[in-house]
């Protein structure tokens, strides 16, 4: 599967953005998909994860309550709705996927960000101004 992330942009503090991770080449429904971000000078961190078949989701503590991950199987796309954005959310956001078949509990904790994710999309830049 090939992934393409989009939807980044410049937004003010408190604003919202919706990122998209569109897949081609395979049915994303049987993949766990995660969003990661990397800010300048910082390590990459997991943000949110959604299991196959619209199963279990997990959000990192740093974004919990402010993001919603979802998938639209008709569009073969996973979304990340981000609200109440803060300057600390400024980063390049990337999506990644790992095929799990019908196992829909992959994203059950922080260890779900360990992967192994073997499909990566290019990043999309999110900039939150203060």
Protein backbone atom coordinates (compact mmCIF):
# COMPACT_ATOMS: atom_id res chain seq x y z
CA UNK A 1 0.00 0.00 0.00
CA UNK A 2 1.17 3.55 -0.69
CA UNK A 3 0.22 6.35 1.66
CA UNK A 4 -0.16 10.06 1.05
CA UNK A 5 -0.64 12.48 3.92
CA UNK A 6 -2.20 15.89 3.42
CA UNK A 7 -4.11 18.60 5.22
CA UNK A 8 -1.38 20.41 7.07
CA UNK A 9 -1.16 24.16 7.18
CA UNK A 10 -0.83 27.27 9.30
CA UNK A 11 -3.39 27.76 12.04
CA UNK A 12 -3.68 29.97 15.08
CA UNK A 13 -3.64 28.69 18.64
CA UNK A 14 -6.99 27.13 19.43
CA UNK A 15 -7.72 26.34 15.82
CA UNK A 16 -8.42 23.03 14.11
CA UNK A 17 -7.04 21.00 11.25
CA UNK A 18 -8.04 17.71 9.69
CA UNK A 19 -5.24 15.59 8.28
CA UNK A 20 -5.84 12.87 5.70
CA UNK A 21 -3.88 9.72 4.97
CA UNK A 22 -5.02 8.38 1.62
CA UNK A 23 -4.03 4.88 0.56
CA UNK A 24 -3.61 3.31 -2.84
CA UNK A 25 -2.55 -0.10 -4.02
CA UNK A 26 -4.28 -2.09 -1.30
CA UNK A 27 -7.28 -2.05 1.00
CA UNK A 28 -6.35 0.02 4.05
CA UNK A 29 -9.17 -1.60 5.99
CA UNK A 30 -6.87 -4.44 7.10
CA UNK A 31 -4.06 -2.22 8.28
CA UNK A 32 -3.48 -0.52 11.58
CA UNK A 33 -2.67 3.10 10.81
CA UNK A 34 -0.87 5.55 13.05
CA UNK A 35 -0.03 9.21 12.92
CA UNK A 36 3.38 10.36 14.05
CA UNK A 37 4.90 13.80 14.34
CA UNK A 38 8.36 15.23 14.53
CA UNK A 39 9.11 18.74 15.64
CA UNK A 40 12.43 20.45 14.83
CA UNK A 41 15.14 19.16 17.09
CA UNK A 42 12.90 16.55 18.69
CA UNK A 43 12.42 12.83 18.28
CA UNK A 44 9.48 11.45 16.38
CA UNK A 45 6.52 10.66 18.60
CA UNK A 46 3.36 8.69 18.10
CA UNK A 47 0.18 10.74 18.11
CA UNK A 48 -2.78 8.48 17.40
CA UNK A 49 -3.47 4.99 16.14
CA UNK A 50 -6.50 3.18 14.72
CA UNK A 51 -6.78 -0.57 14.43
CA UNK A 52 -7.98 -2.48 11.39
CA UNK A 53 -11.69 -2.66 10.60
CA UNK A 54 -12.38 0.52 12.55
CA UNK A 55 -11.42 -1.16 15.77
CA UNK A 56 -9.70 0.10 18.85
CA UNK A 57 -8.00 3.50 18.83
CA UNK A 58 -5.33 5.00 21.03
CA UNK A 59 -4.23 8.60 21.49
CA UNK A 60 -1.01 9.78 23.07
CA UNK A 61 -1.35 11.66 26.34
CA UNK A 62 -0.02 14.81 24.72
CA UNK A 63 -3.06 15.03 22.43
CA UNK A 64 -5.71 13.09 24.32
CA UNK A 65 -9.06 14.85 24.25
CA UNK A 66 -7.99 17.08 21.38
CA UNK A 67 -7.72 14.63 18.48
CA UNK A 68 -10.00 12.10 16.86
CA UNK A 69 -8.71 9.44 14.51
CA UNK A 70 -11.14 7.81 12.12
CA UNK A 71 -11.24 5.89 8.90
CA UNK A 72 -13.46 5.97 5.83
CA UNK A 73 -13.17 2.64 4.08
CA UNK A 74 -15.09 3.87 1.04
CA UNK A 75 -12.34 6.43 0.47
CA UNK A 76 -9.52 4.17 1.73
CA UNK A 77 -8.47 7.03 3.97
CA UNK A 78 -7.65 7.60 7.62
CA UNK A 79 -8.25 11.02 9.14
CA UNK A 80 -6.86 12.87 12.13
CA UNK A 81 -9.07 15.68 13.37
CA UNK A 82 -7.08 17.98 15.60
CA UNK A 83 -8.74 20.62 17.74
CA UNK A 84 -7.57 23.18 20.30
CA UNK A 85 -4.18 23.28 18.64
CA UNK A 86 -1.22 24.65 20.54
CA UNK A 87 2.18 25.92 19.38
CA UNK A 88 3.67 22.70 20.80
CA UNK A 89 1.70 20.79 18.16
CA UNK A 90 3.85 22.35 15.45
CA UNK A 91 5.56 19.49 13.61
CA UNK A 92 5.70 17.43 10.46
CA UNK A 93 2.95 14.85 10.68
CA UNK A 94 3.28 11.50 8.92
CA UNK A 95 1.05 8.49 8.65
CA UNK A 96 2.23 4.91 8.72
CA UNK A 97 0.57 1.54 8.36
CA UNK A 98 1.14 -2.11 9.21
CA UNK A 99 -1.00 -4.95 7.90
CA UNK A 100 -2.72 -6.84 10.71
CA UNK A 101 -5.54 -8.61 8.90
CA UNK A 102 -8.85 -8.56 10.79
CA UNK A 103 -7.16 -8.05 14.19
CA UNK A 104 -8.94 -4.94 15.44
CA UNK A 105 -7.24 -4.43 18.82
CA UNK A 106 -3.75 -3.49 17.60
CA UNK A 107 -3.97 0.07 18.92
CA UNK A 108 -4.46 -0.72 22.58
CA UNK A 109 -1.69 1.28 24.19
CA UNK A 110 1.44 3.33 23.72
CA UNK A 111 3.37 0.28 22.53
CA UNK A 112 1.23 0.29 19.40
CA UNK A 113 3.49 3.12 18.17
CA UNK A 114 6.41 0.69 18.14
CA UNK A 115 5.02 -0.97 15.04
CA UNK A 116 6.67 -2.37 13.03
CA UNK A 117 5.21 0.12 10.56
CA UNK A 118 6.51 -0.68 7.12
CA UNK A 119 4.43 1.70 5.03
CA UNK A 120 5.02 5.41 5.43
CA UNK A 121 3.55 8.44 3.76
CA UNK A 122 5.38 11.68 3.27
CA UNK A 123 4.92 14.28 5.96
CA UNK A 124 2.59 17.23 6.05
CA UNK A 125 3.61 20.32 8.00
CA UNK A 126 1.39 21.67 10.74
CA UNK A 127 2.32 25.09 12.10
CA UNK A 128 0.45 26.58 15.03
CA UNK A 129 1.05 30.25 15.64
CA UNK A 130 0.78 31.82 19.05
